C-alpha atoms as a PDB file:
ATOM      1  CA  MET A   1       0.000   0.000   0.000  1.00  0.00           C
ATOM      2  CA  LEU A   2       2.823   2.448   0.780  1.00  0.00           C
ATOM      3  CA  ASP A   3       4.512   1.728  -2.530  1.00  0.00           C
ATOM      4  CA  VAL A   4       1.371   2.659  -4.456  1.00  0.00           C
ATOM      5  CA  SER A   5       0.619   5.701  -2.291  1.00  0.00           C
ATOM      6  CA  GLN A   6       4.087   7.116  -3.003  1.00  0.00           C
ATOM      7  CA  GLU A   7       3.063   7.511  -6.640  1.00  0.00           C
ATOM      8  CA  TYR A   8       0.458  10.022  -5.404  1.00  0.00           C
ATOM      9  CA  GLY A   9       2.787  12.034  -3.164  1.00  0.00           C
ATOM     10  CA  SER A  10       1.891  10.460   0.160  1.00  0.00           C
ATOM     11  CA  ALA A  11       3.283  11.806   3.415  1.00  0.00           C
ATOM     12  CA  ILE A  12       4.459   9.685   6.320  1.00  0.00           C
ATOM     13  CA  TYR A  13       4.498  11.020   9.863  1.00  0.00           C
ATOM     14  CA  ASP A  14       6.709   8.770  11.961  1.00  0.00           C
ATOM     15  CA  ARG A  15       6.135   8.881  15.722  1.00  0.00           C
ATOM     16  CA  THR A  16       9.804   8.018  16.305  1.00  0.00           C
ATOM     17  CA  HIS A  17      11.241  10.527  13.794  1.00  0.00           C
ATOM     18  CA  GLY A  18      13.985  12.655  15.333  1.00  0.00           C
ATOM     19  CA  LYS A  19      14.035  10.710  18.592  1.00  0.00           C
ATOM     20  CA  GLU A  20      17.033   8.927  20.017  1.00  0.00           C
ATOM     21  CA  LEU A  21      16.013   5.324  20.549  1.00  0.00           C
ATOM     22  CA  LYS A  22      18.093   2.357  21.616  1.00  0.00           C
ATOM     23  CA  ASP A  23      16.664   0.128  18.857  1.00  0.00           C
ATOM     24  CA  LYS A  24      15.868   2.896  16.353  1.00  0.00           C
ATOM     25  CA  ALA A  25      16.700   0.734  13.318  1.00  0.00           C
ATOM     26  CA  MET A  26      13.956  -1.654  14.375  1.00  0.00           C
ATOM     27  CA  PHE A  27      11.330   1.132  14.200  1.00  0.00           C
ATOM     28  CA  GLU A  28      12.488   3.135  11.167  1.00  0.00           C
ATOM     29  CA  PHE A  29      10.680   3.059   7.854  1.00  0.00           C
ATOM     30  CA  PRO A  30      12.691   1.271   5.150  1.00  0.00           C
ATOM     31  CA  GLU A  31      15.040   3.439   3.063  1.00  0.00           C
ATOM     32  CA  ARG A  32      12.682   3.469   0.063  1.00  0.00           C
ATOM     33  CA  TYR A  33      10.104   5.388   2.149  1.00  0.00           C
ATOM     34  CA  GLN A  34      12.456   7.891   3.790  1.00  0.00           C
ATOM     35  CA  GLU A  35      11.750  10.561   1.172  1.00  0.00           C
ATOM     36  CA  ALA A  36       8.066  10.536   2.223  1.00  0.00           C
ATOM     37  CA  VAL A  37       8.790  10.877   5.978  1.00  0.00           C
ATOM     38  CA  LEU A  38       8.011  14.494   6.806  1.00  0.00           C
ATOM     39  CA  GLY A  39       8.551  14.338  10.542  1.00  0.00           C
ATOM     40  CA  SER A  40       6.712  13.266  13.636  1.00  0.00           C
ATOM     41  CA  LEU A  41       3.135  13.865  14.685  1.00  0.00           C
ATOM     42  CA  PRO A  42       1.683  13.784  18.203  1.00  0.00           C
ATOM     43  CA  TYR A  43      -0.935  11.170  18.949  1.00  0.00           C
ATOM     44  CA  SER A  44      -3.689  13.813  19.061  1.00  0.00           C
ATOM     45  CA  GLY A  45      -2.705  14.860  15.540  1.00  0.00           C
ATOM     46  CA  MET A  46      -3.023  11.291  14.339  1.00  0.00           C
ATOM     47  CA  GLU A  47      -6.686  11.249  15.330  1.00  0.00           C
ATOM     48  CA  LEU A  48      -7.369  14.328  13.208  1.00  0.00           C
ATOM     49  CA  THR A  49      -5.437  12.837  10.310  1.00  0.00           C
ATOM     50  CA  SER A  50      -7.434   9.599  10.459  1.00  0.00           C
ATOM     51  CA  GLU A  51     -10.704  11.611  10.370  1.00  0.00           C
ATOM     52  CA  VAL A  52      -9.573  13.431   7.228  1.00  0.00           C
ATOM     53  CA  ILE A  53      -8.384  10.232   5.566  1.00  0.00           C
ATOM     54  CA  SER A  54     -11.669   8.464   6.319  1.00  0.00           C
ATOM     55  CA  LYS A  55     -13.490  11.121   4.256  1.00  0.00           C
ATOM     56  CA  ILE A  56     -11.425  10.520   1.108  1.00  0.00           C
ATOM     57  CA  PRO A  57     -13.560   8.653  -1.442  1.00  0.00           C
ATOM     58  CA  ILE A  58     -12.115   5.387  -2.680  1.00  0.00           C
ATOM     59  CA  GLU A  59     -12.727   4.626  -6.331  1.00  0.00           C
END
């Protein structure tokens, strides 16, 4: 799904982006998605994002 969405300019908000984690490599998006990672997003922002996404019509 992420591969296809990249063709449409998708954005990824990674909750661990910019954080120092012991096992960061385990939680990072694969290299092929790094261009789409725009930063992090607080949990409350994820709720708003999911509401917007749920209103996008699927053809």
